């Protein structure tokens, strides 16, 4: 059991939770002041690596992505030549960049 002596004050400089045991042992008051202080420090200069997007995936994955891109590009370019002449209305540039636009999830030109 904690003895409570009148005329003695203890200050708490942190956050306290009032539990039933603490409420019986001491008289709690409202906080006098609540301050939110922040400290700003610099981290130093950051160096930007322009090829950092290559790091999350391994070299085999990048080779597989490029092979799939080249394969789908060749199919996109060669497949319209097996169709009728009326379907060849799109130019070679649109056919060549279609796979890249899909891979990059960009809109049409």
PDB file of N, CA and C in Angstrom:
ATOM      1  N   UNK A   1       0.845  -1.175   0.000  1.00  0.00           N
ATOM      2  CA  UNK A   1       0.000   0.000   0.000  1.00  0.00           C
ATOM      3  C   UNK A   1       0.891   1.238   0.000  1.00  0.00           C
ATOM      4  N   UNK A   2       0.510   2.220  -0.799  1.00  0.00           N
ATOM      5  CA  UNK A   2       1.271   3.455  -0.898  1.00  0.00           C
ATOM      6  C   UNK A   2       0.689   4.467   0.071  1.00  0.00           C
ATOM      7  N   UNK A   3       1.577   5.072   0.857  1.00  0.00           N
ATOM      8  CA  UNK A   3       1.129   6.095   1.800  1.00  0.00           C
ATOM      9  C   UNK A   3       1.026   7.428   1.093  1.00  0.00           C
ATOM     10  N   UNK A   4      -0.034   8.143   1.374  1.00  0.00           N
ATOM     11  CA  UNK A   4      -0.233   9.460   0.788  1.00  0.00           C
ATOM     12  C   UNK A   4      -0.070  10.497   1.881  1.00  0.00           C
ATOM     13  N   UNK A   5       0.907  11.371   1.696  1.00  0.00           N
ATOM     14  CA  UNK A   5       1.177  12.415   2.685  1.00  0.00           C
ATOM     15  C   UNK A   5       0.696  13.737   2.109  1.00  0.00           C
ATOM     16  N   UNK A   6      -0.204  14.434   2.799  1.00  0.00           N
ATOM     17  CA  UNK A   6      -0.651  15.731   2.299  1.00  0.00           C
ATOM     18  C   UNK A   6       0.514  16.719   2.251  1.00  0.00           C
ATOM     19  N   UNK A   7       0.375  17.755   1.456  1.00  0.00           N
ATOM     20  CA  UNK A   7       1.368  18.802   1.284  1.00  0.00           C
ATOM     21  C   UNK A   7       2.584  18.328   0.479  1.00  0.00           C
ATOM     22  N   UNK A   8       2.496  17.216  -0.127  1.00  0.00           N
ATOM     23  CA  UNK A   8       3.589  16.735  -0.964  1.00  0.00           C
ATOM     24  C   UNK A   8       3.063  16.571  -2.387  1.00  0.00           C
ATOM     25  N   UNK A   9       3.832  17.053  -3.333  1.00  0.00           N
ATOM     26  CA  UNK A   9       3.375  17.053  -4.720  1.00  0.00           C
ATOM     27  C   UNK A   9       4.384  16.300  -5.580  1.00  0.00           C
ATOM     28  N   UNK A  10       3.891  15.422  -6.410  1.00  0.00           N
ATOM     29  CA  UNK A  10       4.703  14.755  -7.419  1.00  0.00           C
ATOM     30  C   UNK A  10       4.171  15.172  -8.785  1.00  0.00           C
ATOM     31  N   UNK A  11       5.096  15.512  -9.652  1.00  0.00           N
ATOM     32  CA  UNK A  11       4.716  15.906 -11.000  1.00  0.00           C
ATOM     33  C   UNK A  11       5.046  14.781 -11.965  1.00  0.00           C
ATOM     34  N   UNK A  12       4.150  14.518 -12.853  1.00  0.00           N
ATOM     35  CA  UNK A  12       4.395  13.532 -13.899  1.00  0.00           C
ATOM     36  C   UNK A  12       4.595  14.233 -15.227  1.00  0.00           C
ATOM     37  N   UNK A  13       5.732  14.006 -15.838  1.00  0.00           N
ATOM     38  CA  UNK A  13       6.032  14.651 -17.116  1.00  0.00           C
ATOM     39  C   UNK A  13       5.720  13.749 -18.304  1.00  0.00           C
ATOM     40  N   UNK A  14       4.901  12.791 -18.105  1.00  0.00           N
ATOM     41  CA  UNK A  14       4.524  11.891 -19.191  1.00  0.00           C
ATOM     42  C   UNK A  14       3.034  11.640 -19.143  1.00  0.00           C
ATOM     43  N   UNK A  15       2.571  10.760 -20.006  1.00  0.00           N
ATOM     44  CA  UNK A  15       1.160  10.413 -20.030  1.00  0.00           C
ATOM     45  C   UNK A  15       0.909   9.275 -19.050  1.00  0.00           C
ATOM     46  N   UNK A  16      -0.099   9.436 -18.214  1.00  0.00           N
ATOM     47  CA  UNK A  16      -0.448   8.423 -17.231  1.00  0.00           C
ATOM     48  C   UNK A  16      -1.878   7.982 -17.455  1.00  0.00           C
ATOM     49  N   UNK A  17      -2.116   6.713 -17.228  1.00  0.00           N
ATOM     50  CA  UNK A  17      -3.462   6.171 -17.293  1.00  0.00           C
ATOM     51  C   UNK A  17      -3.961   6.026 -15.866  1.00  0.00           C
ATOM     52  N   UNK A  18      -5.148   6.552 -15.611  1.00  0.00           N
ATOM     53  CA  UNK A  18      -5.717   6.476 -14.267  1.00  0.00           C
ATOM     54  C   UNK A  18      -6.417   5.130 -14.138  1.00  0.00           C
ATOM     55  N   UNK A  19      -5.819   4.249 -13.373  1.00  0.00           N
ATOM     56  CA  UNK A  19      -6.412   2.948 -13.091  1.00  0.00           C
ATOM     57  C   UNK A  19      -7.121   3.030 -11.742  1.00  0.00           C
ATOM     58  N   UNK A  20      -7.970   2.080 -11.426  1.00  0.00           N
ATOM     59  CA  UNK A  20      -8.641   2.131 -10.115  1.00  0.00           C
ATOM     60  C   UNK A  20      -7.661   2.111  -8.938  1.00  0.00           C
ATOM     61  N   UNK A  21      -6.558   1.378  -9.077  1.00  0.00           N
ATOM     62  CA  UNK A  21      -5.575   1.345  -7.994  1.00  0.00           C
ATOM     63  C   UNK A  21      -4.922   2.709  -7.819  1.00  0.00           C
ATOM     64  N   UNK A  22      -4.585   3.360  -8.917  1.00  0.00           N
ATOM     65  CA  UNK A  22      -3.969   4.681  -8.830  1.00  0.00           C
ATOM     66  C   UNK A  22      -4.966   5.728  -8.339  1.00  0.00           C
ATOM     67  N   UNK A  23      -6.214   5.583  -8.720  1.00  0.00           N
ATOM     68  CA  UNK A  23      -7.222   6.545  -8.267  1.00  0.00           C
ATOM     69  C   UNK A  23      -7.428   6.461  -6.760  1.00  0.00           C
ATOM     70  N   UNK A  24      -7.286   5.282  -6.181  1.00  0.00           N
ATOM     71  CA  UNK A  24      -7.412   5.147  -4.731  1.00  0.00           C
ATOM     72  C   UNK A  24      -6.159   5.633  -4.019  1.00  0.00           C
ATOM     73  N   UNK A  25      -5.015   5.534  -4.661  1.00  0.00           N
ATOM     74  CA  UNK A  25      -3.761   5.865  -3.993  1.00  0.00           C
ATOM     75  C   UNK A  25      -3.438   7.347  -4.048  1.00  0.00           C
ATOM     76  N   UNK A  26      -3.927   8.072  -5.038  1.00  0.00           N
ATOM     77  CA  UNK A  26      -3.533   9.475  -5.184  1.00  0.00           C
ATOM     78  C   UNK A  26      -4.701  10.294  -5.698  1.00  0.00           C
ATOM     79  N   UNK A  27      -4.601  11.589  -5.481  1.00  0.00           N
ATOM     80  CA  UNK A  27      -5.578  12.528  -6.023  1.00  0.00           C
ATOM     81  C   UNK A  27      -5.054  13.016  -7.367  1.00  0.00           C
ATOM     82  N   UNK A  28      -5.840  12.820  -8.398  1.00  0.00           N
ATOM     83  CA  UNK A  28      -5.436  13.242  -9.730  1.00  0.00           C
ATOM     84  C   UNK A  28      -6.111  14.557 -10.079  1.00  0.00           C
ATOM     85  N   UNK A  29      -5.398  15.405 -10.758  1.00  0.00           N
ATOM     86  CA  UNK A  29      -5.963  16.653 -11.260  1.00  0.00           C
ATOM     87  C   UNK A  29      -5.885  16.641 -12.778  1.00  0.00           C
ATOM     88  N   UNK A  30      -6.399  17.671 -13.360  1.00  0.00           N
ATOM     89  CA  UNK A  30      -6.306  17.814 -14.813  1.00  0.00           C
ATOM     90  C   UNK A  30      -4.903  18.272 -15.175  1.00  0.00           C
ATOM     91  N   UNK A  31      -4.444  17.936 -16.344  1.00  0.00           N
ATOM     92  CA  UNK A  31      -3.100  18.378 -16.729  1.00  0.00           C
ATOM     93  C   UNK A  31      -3.038  19.904 -16.836  1.00  0.00           C
ATOM     94  N   UNK A  32      -1.931  20.452 -16.375  1.00  0.00           N
ATOM     95  CA  UNK A  32      -1.751  21.896 -16.412  1.00  0.00           C
ATOM     96  C   UNK A  32      -1.520  22.354 -17.846  1.00  0.00           C
ATOM     97  N   UNK A  33      -0.673  21.661 -18.569  1.00  0.00           N
ATOM     98  CA  UNK A  33      -0.338  22.066 -19.921  1.00  0.00           C
ATOM     99  C   UNK A  33       0.037  20.830 -20.728  1.00  0.00           C
ATOM    100  N   UNK A  34      -0.455  20.780 -21.943  1.00  0.00           N
ATOM    101  CA  UNK A  34      -0.089  19.703 -22.862  1.00  0.00           C
ATOM    102  C   UNK A  34       0.619  20.345 -24.039  1.00  0.00           C
ATOM    103  N   UNK A  35       1.862  19.965 -24.254  1.00  0.00           N
ATOM    104  CA  UNK A  35       2.644  20.533 -25.346  1.00  0.00           C
ATOM    105  C   UNK A  35       3.028  19.420 -26.318  1.00  0.00           C
ATOM    106  N   UNK A  36       2.994  19.763 -27.568  1.00  0.00           N
ATOM    107  CA  UNK A  36       3.465  18.838 -28.601  1.00  0.00           C
ATOM    108  C   UNK A  36       4.675  19.469 -29.261  1.00  0.00           C
ATOM    109  N   UNK A  37       5.831  19.019 -28.883  1.00  0.00           N
ATOM    110  CA  UNK A  37       7.066  19.562 -29.442  1.00  0.00           C
ATOM    111  C   UNK A  37       7.586  18.629 -30.519  1.00  0.00           C
ATOM    112  N   UNK A  38       8.158  19.217 -31.535  1.00  0.00           N
ATOM    113  CA  UNK A  38       8.764  18.449 -32.612  1.00  0.00           C
ATOM    114  C   UNK A  38      10.204  18.906 -32.773  1.00  0.00           C
ATOM    115  N   UNK A  39      11.042  17.995 -33.146  1.00  0.00           N
ATOM    116  CA  UNK A  39      12.436  18.331 -33.386  1.00  0.00           C
ATOM    117  C   UNK A  39      12.739  18.032 -34.851  1.00  0.00           C
ATOM    118  N   UNK A  40      13.232  19.025 -35.543  1.00  0.00           N
ATOM    119  CA  UNK A  40      13.579  18.870 -36.948  1.00  0.00           C
ATOM    120  C   UNK A  40      15.090  18.822 -37.083  1.00  0.00           C
ATOM    121  N   UNK A  41      15.556  17.757 -37.705  1.00  0.00           N
ATOM    122  CA  UNK A  41      16.986  17.636 -37.965  1.00  0.00           C
ATOM    123  C   UNK A  41      17.154  17.238 -39.417  1.00  0.00           C
ATOM    124  N   UNK A  42      18.266  17.571 -39.974  1.00  0.00           N
ATOM    125  CA  UNK A  42      18.497  17.214 -41.372  1.00  0.00           C
ATOM    126  C   UNK A  42      19.109  15.818 -41.451  1.00  0.00           C
ATOM    127  N   UNK A  43      18.770  15.122 -42.510  1.00  0.00           N
ATOM    128  CA  UNK A  43      19.307  13.783 -42.721  1.00  0.00           C
ATOM    129  C   UNK A  43      20.578  13.806 -43.546  1.00  0.00           C
ATOM    130  N   UNK A  44      20.917  14.929 -44.033  1.00  0.00           N
ATOM    131  CA  UNK A  44      22.075  15.002 -44.911  1.00  0.00           C
ATOM    132  C   UNK A  44      21.629  14.981 -46.354  1.00  0.00           C
ATOM    133  N   UNK A  45      22.564  15.032 -47.228  1.00  0.00           N
ATOM    134  CA  UNK A  45      22.254  15.047 -48.650  1.00  0.00           C
ATOM    135  C   UNK A  45      21.949  13.637 -49.140  1.00  0.00           C
ATOM    136  N   UNK A  46      20.862  13.518 -49.877  1.00  0.00           N
ATOM    137  CA  UNK A  46      20.513  12.226 -50.459  1.00  0.00           C
ATOM    138  C   UNK A  46      21.035  12.165 -51.882  1.00  0.00           C
ATOM    139  N   UNK A  47      21.491  11.017 -52.250  1.00  0.00           N
ATOM    140  CA  UNK A  47      21.980  10.813 -53.606  1.00  0.00           C
ATOM    141  C   UNK A  47      20.932  10.023 -54.372  1.00  0.00           C
ATOM    142  N   UNK A  48      20.501  10.568 -55.472  1.00  0.00           N
ATOM    143  CA  UNK A  48      19.476   9.931 -56.280  1.00  0.00           C
ATOM    144  C   UNK A  48      20.151   9.002 -57.283  1.00  0.00           C
ATOM    145  N   UNK A  49      19.740   7.762 -57.239  1.00  0.00           N
ATOM    146  CA  UNK A  49      20.258   6.765 -58.177  1.00  0.00           C
ATOM    147  C   UNK A  49      19.249   6.624 -59.315  1.00  0.00           C
ATOM    148  N   UNK A  50      19.592   7.034 -60.535  1.00  0.00           N
ATOM    149  CA  UNK A  50      18.608   6.996 -61.619  1.00  0.00           C
ATOM    150  C   UNK A  50      18.221   5.577 -62.047  1.00  0.00           C
ATOM    151  N   UNK A  51      19.028   4.595 -61.765  1.00  0.00           N
ATOM    152  CA  UNK A  51      18.725   3.219 -62.156  1.00  0.00           C
ATOM    153  C   UNK A  51      18.243   2.380 -60.979  1.00  0.00           C
ATOM    154  N   UNK A  52      17.741   3.017 -59.931  1.00  0.00           N
ATOM    155  CA  UNK A  52      17.307   2.285 -58.739  1.00  0.00           C
ATOM    156  C   UNK A  52      16.061   1.447 -58.990  1.00  0.00           C
ATOM    157  N   UNK A  53      15.292   1.770 -60.031  1.00  0.00           N
ATOM    158  CA  UNK A  53      14.100   0.971 -60.310  1.00  0.00           C
ATOM    159  C   UNK A  53      14.454  -0.444 -60.760  1.00  0.00           C
ATOM    160  N   UNK A  54      15.702  -0.674 -61.168  1.00  0.00           N
ATOM    161  CA  UNK A  54      16.122  -2.009 -61.578  1.00  0.00           C
ATOM    162  C   UNK A  54      16.430  -2.919 -60.394  1.00  0.00           C
ATOM    163  N   UNK A  55      16.658  -2.348 -59.232  1.00  0.00           N
ATOM    164  CA  UNK A  55      17.124  -3.126 -58.086  1.00  0.00           C
ATOM    165  C   UNK A  55      16.099  -4.108 -57.510  1.00  0.00           C
ATOM    166  N   UNK A  56      14.783  -3.794 -57.444  1.00  0.00           N
ATOM    167  CA  UNK A  56      13.870  -4.750 -56.814  1.00  0.00           C
ATOM    168  C   UNK A  56      13.753  -6.084 -57.541  1.00  0.00           C
ATOM    169  N   UNK A  57      13.946  -6.095 -58.856  1.00  0.00           N
ATOM    170  CA  UNK A  57      13.816  -7.335 -59.616  1.00  0.00           C
ATOM    171  C   UNK A  57      15.190  -7.833 -60.042  1.00  0.00           C
ATOM    172  N   UNK A  58      15.305  -9.141 -60.132  1.00  0.00           N
ATOM    173  CA  UNK A  58      16.572  -9.744 -60.529  1.00  0.00           C
ATOM    174  C   UNK A  58      16.809  -9.624 -62.025  1.00  0.00           C
ATOM    175  N   UNK A  59      18.018  -9.966 -62.440  1.00  0.00           N
ATOM    176  CA  UNK A  59      18.374  -9.842 -63.858  1.00  0.00           C
ATOM    177  C   UNK A  59      17.584 -10.824 -64.724  1.00  0.00           C
ATOM    178  N   UNK A  60      17.298 -12.019 -64.202  1.00  0.00           N
ATOM    179  CA  UNK A  60      16.514 -12.988 -64.968  1.00  0.00           C
ATOM    180  C   UNK A  60      15.103 -12.468 -65.227  1.00  0.00           C
ATOM    181  N   UNK A  61      14.526 -11.786 -64.254  1.00  0.00           N
ATOM    182  CA  UNK A  61      13.175 -11.237 -64.417  1.00  0.00           C
ATOM    183  C   UNK A  61      13.172 -10.150 -65.483  1.00  0.00           C
ATOM    184  N   UNK A  62      14.190  -9.280 -65.473  1.00  0.00           N
ATOM    185  CA  UNK A  62      14.259  -8.223 -66.483  1.00  0.00           C
ATOM    186  C   UNK A  62      14.474  -8.806 -67.881  1.00  0.00           C
ATOM    187  N   UNK A  63      15.273  -9.855 -67.993  1.00  0.00           N
ATOM    188  CA  UNK A  63      15.467 -10.505 -69.294  1.00  0.00           C
ATOM    189  C   UNK A  63      14.156 -11.130 -69.763  1.00  0.00           C
ATOM    190  N   UNK A  64      13.412 -11.744 -68.844  1.00  0.00           N
ATOM    191  CA  UNK A  64      12.125 -12.343 -69.205  1.00  0.00           C
ATOM    192  C   UNK A  64      11.123 -11.272 -69.629  1.00  0.00           C
ATOM    193  N   UNK A  65      11.113 -10.131 -68.946  1.00  0.00           N
ATOM    194  CA  UNK A  65      10.206  -9.038 -69.324  1.00  0.00           C
ATOM    195  C   UNK A  65      10.557  -8.508 -70.709  1.00  0.00           C
ATOM    196  N   UNK A  66      11.843  -8.306 -70.972  1.00  0.00           N
ATOM    197  CA  UNK A  66      12.254  -7.810 -72.288  1.00  0.00           C
ATOM    198  C   UNK A  66      11.966  -8.826 -73.390  1.00  0.00           C
ATOM    199  N   UNK A  67      12.161 -10.119 -73.094  1.00  0.00           N
ATOM    200  CA  UNK A  67      11.855 -11.152 -74.092  1.00  0.00           C
ATOM    201  C   UNK A  67      10.356 -11.191 -74.381  1.00  0.00           C
ATOM    202  N   UNK A  68       9.536 -11.080 -73.339  1.00  0.00           N
ATOM    203  CA  UNK A  68       8.086 -11.057 -73.547  1.00  0.00           C
ATOM    204  C   UNK A  68       7.665  -9.812 -74.309  1.00  0.00           C
ATOM    205  N   UNK A  69       8.309  -8.689 -74.019  1.00  0.00           N
ATOM    206  CA  UNK A  69       7.994  -7.452 -74.734  1.00  0.00           C
ATOM    207  C   UNK A  69       8.366  -7.562 -76.208  1.00  0.00           C
ATOM    208  N   UNK A  70       9.557  -8.098 -76.494  1.00  0.00           N
ATOM    209  CA  UNK A  70       9.965  -8.265 -77.890  1.00  0.00           C
ATOM    210  C   UNK A  70       9.096  -9.290 -78.614  1.00  0.00           C
ATOM    211  N   UNK A  71       8.709 -10.353 -77.912  1.00  0.00           N
ATOM    212  CA  UNK A  71       7.828 -11.350 -78.529  1.00  0.00           C
ATOM    213  C   UNK A  71       6.457 -10.783 -78.841  1.00  0.00           C
ATOM    214  N   UNK A  72       5.884 -10.060 -77.896  1.00  0.00           N
ATOM    215  CA  UNK A  72       4.569  -9.470 -78.159  1.00  0.00           C
ATOM    216  C   UNK A  72       4.654  -8.356 -79.193  1.00  0.00           C
ATOM    217  N   UNK A  73       5.778  -7.644 -79.233  1.00  0.00           N
ATOM    218  CA  UNK A  73       5.970  -6.611 -80.250  1.00  0.00           C
ATOM    219  C   UNK A  73       6.048  -7.229 -81.641  1.00  0.00           C
ATOM    220  N   UNK A  74       6.770  -8.335 -81.761  1.00  0.00           N
ATOM    221  CA  UNK A  74       6.865  -8.987 -83.075  1.00  0.00           C
ATOM    222  C   UNK A  74       5.516  -9.559 -83.503  1.00  0.00           C
ATOM    223  N   UNK A  75       4.758 -10.110 -82.565  1.00  0.00           N
ATOM    224  CA  UNK A  75       3.424 -10.613 -82.907  1.00  0.00           C
ATOM    225  C   UNK A  75       2.518  -9.459 -83.309  1.00  0.00           C
ATOM    226  N   UNK A  76       2.618  -8.337 -82.612  1.00  0.00           N
ATOM    227  CA  UNK A  76       1.786  -7.179 -82.931  1.00  0.00           C
ATOM    228  C   UNK A  76       2.111  -6.619 -84.305  1.00  0.00           C
ATOM    229  N   UNK A  77       3.377  -6.644 -84.672  1.00  0.00           N
ATOM    230  CA  UNK A  77       3.767  -6.107 -85.979  1.00  0.00           C
ATOM    231  C   UNK A  77       3.456  -7.098 -87.100  1.00  0.00           C
ATOM    232  N   UNK A  78       3.704  -8.393 -86.880  1.00  0.00           N
ATOM    233  CA  UNK A  78       3.552  -9.379 -87.952  1.00  0.00           C
ATOM    234  C   UNK A  78       2.128  -9.901 -88.116  1.00  0.00           C
ATOM    235  N   UNK A  79       1.321  -9.900 -87.076  1.00  0.00           N
ATOM    236  CA  UNK A  79      -0.031 -10.454 -87.161  1.00  0.00           C
ATOM    237  C   UNK A  79      -0.935  -9.687 -88.125  1.00  0.00           C
ATOM    238  N   UNK A  80      -0.905  -8.367 -88.175  1.00  0.00           N
ATOM    239  CA  UNK A  80      -1.801  -7.678 -89.128  1.00  0.00           C
ATOM    240  C   UNK A  80      -1.514  -8.004 -90.586  1.00  0.00           C
ATOM    241  N   UNK A  81      -0.319  -8.433 -90.922  1.00  0.00           N
ATOM    242  CA  UNK A  81      -0.006  -8.766 -92.307  1.00  0.00           C
ATOM    243  C   UNK A  81      -0.683 -10.054 -92.762  1.00  0.00           C
ATOM    244  N   UNK A  82      -1.171 -10.854 -91.821  1.00  0.00           N
ATOM    245  CA  UNK A  82      -1.901 -12.062 -92.200  1.00  0.00           C
ATOM    246  C   UNK A  82      -3.396 -11.783 -92.356  1.00  0.00           C
ATOM    247  N   UNK A  83      -3.832 -10.573 -92.055  1.00  0.00           N
ATOM    248  CA  UNK A  83      -5.242 -10.206 -92.176  1.00  0.00           C
ATOM    249  C   UNK A  83      -5.493  -9.525 -93.517  1.00  0.00           C
ATOM    250  N   UNK A  84      -6.717  -9.102 -93.738  1.00  0.00           N
ATOM    251  CA  UNK A  84      -7.080  -8.420 -94.976  1.00  0.00           C
ATOM    252  C   UNK A  84      -6.425  -7.051 -95.036  1.00  0.00           C
ATOM    253  N   UNK A  85      -6.394  -6.487 -96.213  1.00  0.00           N
ATOM    254  CA  UNK A  85      -5.757  -5.193 -96.434  1.00  0.00           C
ATOM    255  C   UNK A  85      -6.519  -4.082 -95.716  1.00  0.00           C
ATOM    256  N   UNK A  86      -7.830  -4.224 -95.535  1.00  0.00           N
ATOM    257  CA  UNK A  86      -8.624  -3.180 -94.893  1.00  0.00           C
ATOM    258  C   UNK A  86      -8.255  -2.998 -93.422  1.00  0.00           C
ATOM    259  N   UNK A  87      -7.737  -4.030 -92.799  1.00  0.00           N
ATOM    260  CA  UNK A  87      -7.400  -3.938 -91.378  1.00  0.00           C
ATOM    261  C   UNK A  87      -6.038  -3.319 -91.136  1.00  0.00           C
ATOM    262  N   UNK A  88      -5.279  -3.030 -92.182  1.00  0.00           N
ATOM    263  CA  UNK A  88      -3.942  -2.463 -92.027  1.00  0.00           C
ATOM    264  C   UNK A  88      -3.965  -0.940 -91.992  1.00  0.00           C
ATOM    265  N   UNK A  89      -5.050  -0.364 -91.479  1.00  0.00           N
ATOM    266  CA  UNK A  89      -5.172   1.089 -91.488  1.00  0.00           C
ATOM    267  C   UNK A  89      -4.247   1.754 -90.470  1.00  0.00           C
ATOM    268  N   UNK A  90      -3.828   1.053 -89.440  1.00  0.00           N
ATOM    269  CA  UNK A  90      -2.917   1.649 -88.464  1.00  0.00           C
ATOM    270  C   UNK A  90      -1.493   1.604 -88.999  1.00  0.00           C
ATOM    271  N   UNK A  91      -0.712   2.594 -88.625  1.00  0.00           N
ATOM    272  CA  UNK A  91       0.660   2.673 -89.110  1.00  0.00           C
ATOM    273  C   UNK A  91       1.597   1.779 -88.322  1.00  0.00           C
ATOM    274  N   UNK A  92       2.811   1.660 -88.814  1.00  0.00           N
ATOM    275  CA  UNK A  92       3.798   0.806 -88.152  1.00  0.00           C
ATOM    276  C   UNK A  92       4.202   1.377 -86.804  1.00  0.00           C
ATOM    277  N   UNK A  93       4.192   2.709 -86.678  1.00  0.00           N
ATOM    278  CA  UNK A  93       4.584   3.329 -85.405  1.00  0.00           C
ATOM    279  C   UNK A  93       3.591   2.988 -84.301  1.00  0.00           C
ATOM    280  N   UNK A  94       2.304   3.008 -84.637  1.00  0.00           N
ATOM    281  CA  UNK A  94       1.281   2.661 -83.649  1.00  0.00           C
ATOM    282  C   UNK A  94       1.394   1.196 -83.249  1.00  0.00           C
ATOM    283  N   UNK A  95       1.657   0.335 -84.220  1.00  0.00           N
ATOM    284  CA  UNK A  95       1.836  -1.084 -83.903  1.00  0.00           C
ATOM    285  C   UNK A  95       3.077  -1.315 -83.051  1.00  0.00           C
ATOM    286  N   UNK A  96       4.139  -0.591 -83.354  1.00  0.00           N
ATOM    287  CA  UNK A  96       5.398  -0.803 -82.641  1.00  0.00           C
ATOM    288  C   UNK A  96       5.339  -0.296 -81.208  1.00  0.00           C
ATOM    289  N   UNK A  97       4.571   0.738 -80.964  1.00  0.00           N
ATOM    290  CA  UNK A  97       4.535   1.308 -79.608  1.00  0.00           C
ATOM    291  C   UNK A  97       3.365   0.811 -78.772  1.00  0.00           C
ATOM    292  N   UNK A  98       2.499  -0.007 -79.338  1.00  0.00           N
ATOM    293  CA  UNK A  98       1.332  -0.473 -78.597  1.00  0.00           C
ATOM    294  C   UNK A  98       1.739  -1.292 -77.369  1.00  0.00           C
ATOM    295  N   UNK A  99       2.693  -2.192 -77.524  1.00  0.00           N
ATOM    296  CA  UNK A  99       3.126  -3.023 -76.394  1.00  0.00           C
ATOM    297  C   UNK A  99       3.806  -2.190 -75.320  1.00  0.00           C
ATOM    298  N   UNK A 100       4.579  -1.229 -75.741  1.00  0.00           N
ATOM    299  CA  UNK A 100       5.257  -0.380 -74.760  1.00  0.00           C
ATOM    300  C   UNK A 100       4.240   0.451 -73.990  1.00  0.00           C
ATOM    301  N   UNK A 101       3.206   0.968 -74.684  1.00  0.00           N
ATOM    302  CA  UNK A 101       2.172   1.744 -73.996  1.00  0.00           C
ATOM    303  C   UNK A 101       1.400   0.876 -73.017  1.00  0.00           C
ATOM    304  N   UNK A 102       1.130  -0.367 -73.393  1.00  0.00           N
ATOM    305  CA  UNK A 102       0.423  -1.271 -72.490  1.00  0.00           C
ATOM    306  C   UNK A 102       1.287  -1.598 -71.280  1.00  0.00           C
ATOM    307  N   UNK A 103       2.577  -1.844 -71.513  1.00  0.00           N
ATOM    308  CA  UNK A 103       3.475  -2.167 -70.409  1.00  0.00           C
ATOM    309  C   UNK A 103       3.607  -0.993 -69.452  1.00  0.00           C
ATOM    310  N   UNK A 104       3.704   0.198 -69.967  1.00  0.00           N
ATOM    311  CA  UNK A 104       3.841   1.386 -69.131  1.00  0.00           C
ATOM    312  C   UNK A 104       2.492   1.910 -68.636  1.00  0.00           C
ATOM    313  N   UNK A 105       1.395   1.292 -69.061  1.00  0.00           N
ATOM    314  CA  UNK A 105       0.028   1.655 -68.692  1.00  0.00           C
ATOM    315  C   UNK A 105      -0.278   3.106 -69.030  1.00  0.00           C
ATOM    316  N   UNK A 106       0.166   3.518 -70.190  1.00  0.00           N
ATOM    317  CA  UNK A 106      -0.131   4.854 -70.681  1.00  0.00           C
ATOM    318  C   UNK A 106      -1.310   4.758 -71.637  1.00  0.00           C
ATOM    319  N   UNK A 107      -1.894   5.888 -71.947  1.00  0.00           N
ATOM    320  CA  UNK A 107      -2.990   5.935 -72.897  1.00  0.00           C
ATOM    321  C   UNK A 107      -2.481   5.881 -74.315  1.00  0.00           C
ATOM    322  N   UNK A 108      -3.386   5.947 -75.235  1.00  0.00           N
ATOM    323  CA  UNK A 108      -3.012   5.949 -76.641  1.00  0.00           C
ATOM    324  C   UNK A 108      -2.409   7.284 -77.049  1.00  0.00           C
ATOM    325  N   UNK A 109      -1.745   7.283 -78.173  1.00  0.00           N
ATOM    326  CA  UNK A 109      -1.135   8.518 -78.672  1.00  0.00           C
ATOM    327  C   UNK A 109      -2.131   9.356 -79.421  1.00  0.00           C
TER     328      UNK A 109
END
